């Protein structure tokens, strides 16, 4: 059971790293004419942060996702690499 839990966490780390690296490459590719299609994407989430003020404690919650084609490709490659090595 412990090895299956570890494999799930490793998969999550692979997916997140694929998203981050892919998103970075997508932003870098946006300045290249023949690669600018990789930067096409969508932003979604909370545009304005939600603030909960309890006078003693103030909590601010905001979440924004920026998904582009390159991050989806990066996530796919990360899953393929995970399946090959694990």
N, C-alpha and C. Protein backbone atom coordinates (compact mmCIF):
# COMPACT_ATOMS: atom_id res chain seq x y z
N UNK A 1 0.82 -1.20 0.00
CA UNK A 1 0.00 0.00 0.00
C UNK A 1 0.86 1.26 0.00
N UNK A 2 1.98 1.21 0.72
CA UNK A 2 2.83 2.40 0.81
C UNK A 2 3.47 2.72 -0.53
N UNK A 3 3.81 1.69 -1.30
CA UNK A 3 4.44 1.96 -2.60
C UNK A 3 3.44 2.57 -3.57
N UNK A 4 2.18 2.17 -3.49
CA UNK A 4 1.17 2.76 -4.37
C UNK A 4 0.95 4.23 -4.03
N UNK A 5 0.95 4.58 -2.73
CA UNK A 5 0.83 5.98 -2.32
C UNK A 5 2.02 6.80 -2.81
N UNK A 6 3.22 6.23 -2.72
CA UNK A 6 4.41 6.93 -3.19
C UNK A 6 4.34 7.13 -4.70
N UNK A 7 3.85 6.13 -5.43
CA UNK A 7 3.74 6.27 -6.88
C UNK A 7 2.75 7.36 -7.28
N UNK A 8 1.69 7.51 -6.54
CA UNK A 8 0.72 8.57 -6.83
C UNK A 8 1.35 9.93 -6.61
N UNK A 9 2.11 10.10 -5.53
CA UNK A 9 2.77 11.38 -5.27
C UNK A 9 3.83 11.67 -6.32
N UNK A 10 4.55 10.64 -6.75
CA UNK A 10 5.54 10.84 -7.81
C UNK A 10 4.85 11.23 -9.11
N UNK A 11 3.72 10.62 -9.43
CA UNK A 11 2.96 10.98 -10.62
C UNK A 11 2.49 12.43 -10.54
N UNK A 12 2.00 12.87 -9.40
CA UNK A 12 1.56 14.25 -9.23
C UNK A 12 2.72 15.21 -9.43
N UNK A 13 3.89 14.86 -8.89
CA UNK A 13 5.07 15.71 -9.07
C UNK A 13 5.47 15.77 -10.54
N UNK A 14 5.43 14.64 -11.24
CA UNK A 14 5.74 14.62 -12.67
C UNK A 14 4.76 15.49 -13.45
N UNK A 15 3.48 15.38 -13.16
CA UNK A 15 2.47 16.16 -13.88
C UNK A 15 2.65 17.65 -13.63
N UNK A 16 2.86 18.03 -12.38
CA UNK A 16 3.05 19.45 -12.07
C UNK A 16 4.32 20.00 -12.70
N UNK A 17 5.39 19.22 -12.69
CA UNK A 17 6.62 19.70 -13.32
C UNK A 17 6.44 19.80 -14.84
N UNK A 18 5.71 18.88 -15.44
CA UNK A 18 5.41 18.98 -16.87
C UNK A 18 4.59 20.20 -17.20
N UNK A 19 3.63 20.54 -16.36
CA UNK A 19 2.83 21.75 -16.56
C UNK A 19 3.67 23.01 -16.45
N UNK A 20 4.54 23.05 -15.45
CA UNK A 20 5.37 24.24 -15.24
C UNK A 20 6.37 24.43 -16.38
N UNK A 21 7.07 23.35 -16.74
CA UNK A 21 8.06 23.45 -17.82
C UNK A 21 7.37 23.75 -19.14
N UNK A 22 6.25 23.11 -19.41
CA UNK A 22 5.51 23.38 -20.64
C UNK A 22 4.99 24.80 -20.69
N UNK A 23 4.49 25.31 -19.58
CA UNK A 23 4.03 26.70 -19.54
C UNK A 23 5.15 27.69 -19.78
N UNK A 24 6.32 27.40 -19.21
CA UNK A 24 7.48 28.26 -19.43
C UNK A 24 7.90 28.24 -20.90
N UNK A 25 7.95 27.05 -21.48
CA UNK A 25 8.31 26.94 -22.90
C UNK A 25 7.27 27.61 -23.80
N UNK A 26 6.02 27.53 -23.42
CA UNK A 26 4.97 28.20 -24.18
C UNK A 26 5.12 29.71 -24.16
N UNK A 27 5.47 30.26 -23.00
CA UNK A 27 5.69 31.70 -22.91
C UNK A 27 6.92 32.11 -23.70
N UNK A 28 7.98 31.30 -23.67
CA UNK A 28 9.17 31.61 -24.46
C UNK A 28 8.90 31.47 -25.95
N UNK A 29 8.05 30.52 -26.33
CA UNK A 29 7.76 30.29 -27.75
C UNK A 29 6.83 31.34 -28.34
N UNK A 30 6.21 32.14 -27.50
CA UNK A 30 5.27 33.14 -28.02
C UNK A 30 5.97 34.22 -28.85
N UNK A 31 7.25 34.41 -28.65
CA UNK A 31 7.97 35.43 -29.41
C UNK A 31 8.53 34.91 -30.73
N UNK A 32 8.45 33.59 -30.96
CA UNK A 32 8.92 32.99 -32.21
C UNK A 32 7.72 32.84 -33.14
N UNK A 33 7.86 33.32 -34.38
CA UNK A 33 6.72 33.35 -35.30
C UNK A 33 6.10 31.99 -35.54
N UNK A 34 6.89 30.98 -35.84
CA UNK A 34 6.34 29.68 -36.20
C UNK A 34 6.02 28.81 -34.99
N UNK A 35 6.30 29.29 -33.76
CA UNK A 35 5.95 28.56 -32.55
C UNK A 35 4.92 29.29 -31.68
N UNK A 36 4.40 30.40 -32.16
CA UNK A 36 3.49 31.17 -31.31
C UNK A 36 2.16 30.45 -31.04
N UNK A 37 1.84 29.42 -31.79
CA UNK A 37 0.62 28.65 -31.52
C UNK A 37 0.71 27.90 -30.19
N UNK A 38 1.93 27.65 -29.71
CA UNK A 38 2.08 26.94 -28.43
C UNK A 38 1.68 27.80 -27.24
N UNK A 39 1.66 29.12 -27.41
CA UNK A 39 1.29 30.02 -26.32
C UNK A 39 -0.21 30.25 -26.26
N UNK A 40 -0.96 29.71 -27.21
CA UNK A 40 -2.42 29.88 -27.20
C UNK A 40 -2.99 29.14 -25.99
N UNK A 41 -3.78 29.81 -25.22
CA UNK A 41 -4.32 29.18 -24.02
C UNK A 41 -5.45 29.97 -23.42
N UNK A 42 -5.79 29.60 -22.21
CA UNK A 42 -6.93 30.19 -21.52
C UNK A 42 -6.55 30.43 -20.07
N UNK A 43 -7.01 31.55 -19.53
CA UNK A 43 -6.85 31.84 -18.11
C UNK A 43 -8.22 31.71 -17.46
N UNK A 44 -8.26 31.02 -16.34
CA UNK A 44 -9.53 30.93 -15.62
C UNK A 44 -9.25 30.83 -14.12
N UNK A 45 -10.21 31.24 -13.36
CA UNK A 45 -10.09 31.25 -11.90
C UNK A 45 -10.81 32.45 -11.33
N UNK A 46 -10.40 32.84 -10.14
CA UNK A 46 -10.98 34.00 -9.48
C UNK A 46 -10.23 35.25 -9.93
N UNK A 47 -10.91 36.16 -10.61
CA UNK A 47 -10.27 37.38 -11.10
C UNK A 47 -9.94 38.31 -9.93
N UNK A 48 -10.82 38.42 -8.99
CA UNK A 48 -10.60 39.23 -7.79
C UNK A 48 -10.49 38.30 -6.59
N UNK A 49 -9.52 38.52 -5.71
CA UNK A 49 -9.39 37.65 -4.55
C UNK A 49 -10.57 37.79 -3.58
N UNK A 50 -10.90 36.69 -2.94
CA UNK A 50 -11.95 36.67 -1.92
C UNK A 50 -11.28 36.92 -0.58
N UNK A 51 -11.78 37.90 0.17
CA UNK A 51 -11.19 38.27 1.45
C UNK A 51 -12.18 37.98 2.56
N UNK A 52 -11.73 37.25 3.57
CA UNK A 52 -12.53 36.99 4.76
C UNK A 52 -11.87 37.73 5.91
N UNK A 53 -12.53 38.77 6.40
CA UNK A 53 -11.98 39.61 7.47
C UNK A 53 -12.73 39.32 8.75
N UNK A 54 -12.06 38.74 9.73
CA UNK A 54 -12.67 38.42 11.02
C UNK A 54 -12.16 39.35 12.12
N UNK A 55 -11.57 40.45 11.75
CA UNK A 55 -10.98 41.49 12.60
C UNK A 55 -9.77 41.00 13.39
N UNK A 56 -9.70 39.77 13.73
CA UNK A 56 -8.51 39.20 14.37
C UNK A 56 -7.66 38.50 13.33
N UNK A 57 -8.32 37.95 12.35
CA UNK A 57 -7.66 37.18 11.31
C UNK A 57 -8.23 37.60 9.96
N UNK A 58 -7.34 37.82 9.02
CA UNK A 58 -7.76 38.21 7.67
C UNK A 58 -7.20 37.18 6.70
N UNK A 59 -8.10 36.53 5.95
CA UNK A 59 -7.71 35.48 5.02
C UNK A 59 -8.05 35.94 3.61
N UNK A 60 -7.07 35.83 2.71
CA UNK A 60 -7.27 36.18 1.31
C UNK A 60 -7.09 34.92 0.48
N UNK A 61 -8.06 34.65 -0.39
CA UNK A 61 -8.02 33.46 -1.23
C UNK A 61 -8.13 33.87 -2.69
N UNK A 62 -7.16 33.44 -3.49
CA UNK A 62 -7.19 33.70 -4.92
C UNK A 62 -6.57 32.50 -5.63
N UNK A 63 -7.13 32.14 -6.75
CA UNK A 63 -6.63 31.01 -7.52
C UNK A 63 -6.84 31.30 -9.00
N UNK A 64 -5.76 31.24 -9.78
CA UNK A 64 -5.83 31.52 -11.21
C UNK A 64 -5.02 30.48 -11.95
N UNK A 65 -5.61 29.89 -12.96
CA UNK A 65 -4.94 28.91 -13.81
C UNK A 65 -4.67 29.53 -15.17
N UNK A 66 -3.48 29.27 -15.70
CA UNK A 66 -3.12 29.73 -17.04
C UNK A 66 -2.63 28.50 -17.81
N UNK A 67 -3.51 27.92 -18.59
CA UNK A 67 -3.20 26.70 -19.33
C UNK A 67 -2.99 27.06 -20.79
N UNK A 68 -1.88 26.58 -21.37
CA UNK A 68 -1.65 26.79 -22.80
C UNK A 68 -1.32 25.45 -23.46
N UNK A 69 -1.20 25.46 -24.77
CA UNK A 69 -0.95 24.22 -25.52
C UNK A 69 0.35 23.56 -25.07
N UNK A 70 1.39 24.36 -24.85
CA UNK A 70 2.68 23.81 -24.46
C UNK A 70 2.61 23.14 -23.09
N UNK A 71 1.82 23.66 -22.16
CA UNK A 71 1.70 23.02 -20.85
C UNK A 71 0.95 21.69 -20.95
N UNK A 72 -0.01 21.60 -21.86
CA UNK A 72 -0.70 20.32 -22.07
C UNK A 72 0.26 19.30 -22.68
N UNK A 73 1.07 19.75 -23.63
CA UNK A 73 2.08 18.86 -24.23
C UNK A 73 3.08 18.44 -23.17
N UNK A 74 3.51 19.36 -22.32
CA UNK A 74 4.45 19.04 -21.24
C UNK A 74 3.87 18.04 -20.25
N UNK A 75 2.59 18.18 -19.92
CA UNK A 75 1.94 17.24 -19.02
C UNK A 75 1.86 15.86 -19.65
N UNK A 76 1.56 15.79 -20.94
CA UNK A 76 1.48 14.52 -21.64
C UNK A 76 2.84 13.83 -21.68
N UNK A 77 3.89 14.59 -21.97
CA UNK A 77 5.24 14.03 -21.99
C UNK A 77 5.65 13.56 -20.59
N UNK A 78 5.26 14.29 -19.55
CA UNK A 78 5.57 13.89 -18.18
C UNK A 78 4.89 12.57 -17.82
N UNK A 79 3.66 12.38 -18.25
CA UNK A 79 2.97 11.11 -17.98
C UNK A 79 3.63 9.97 -18.74
N UNK A 80 4.04 10.21 -19.99
CA UNK A 80 4.73 9.17 -20.76
C UNK A 80 6.05 8.80 -20.10
N UNK A 81 6.81 9.80 -19.63
CA UNK A 81 8.07 9.53 -18.95
C UNK A 81 7.82 8.76 -17.66
N UNK A 82 6.79 9.12 -16.93
CA UNK A 82 6.44 8.41 -15.70
C UNK A 82 6.15 6.94 -15.98
N UNK A 83 5.38 6.67 -17.02
CA UNK A 83 5.04 5.28 -17.35
C UNK A 83 6.25 4.48 -17.81
N UNK A 84 7.22 5.13 -18.45
CA UNK A 84 8.42 4.43 -18.92
C UNK A 84 9.34 4.05 -17.77
N UNK A 85 9.47 4.96 -16.78
CA UNK A 85 10.47 4.75 -15.72
C UNK A 85 9.93 4.16 -14.44
N UNK A 86 8.66 4.25 -14.19
CA UNK A 86 8.11 3.71 -12.93
C UNK A 86 7.40 2.40 -13.19
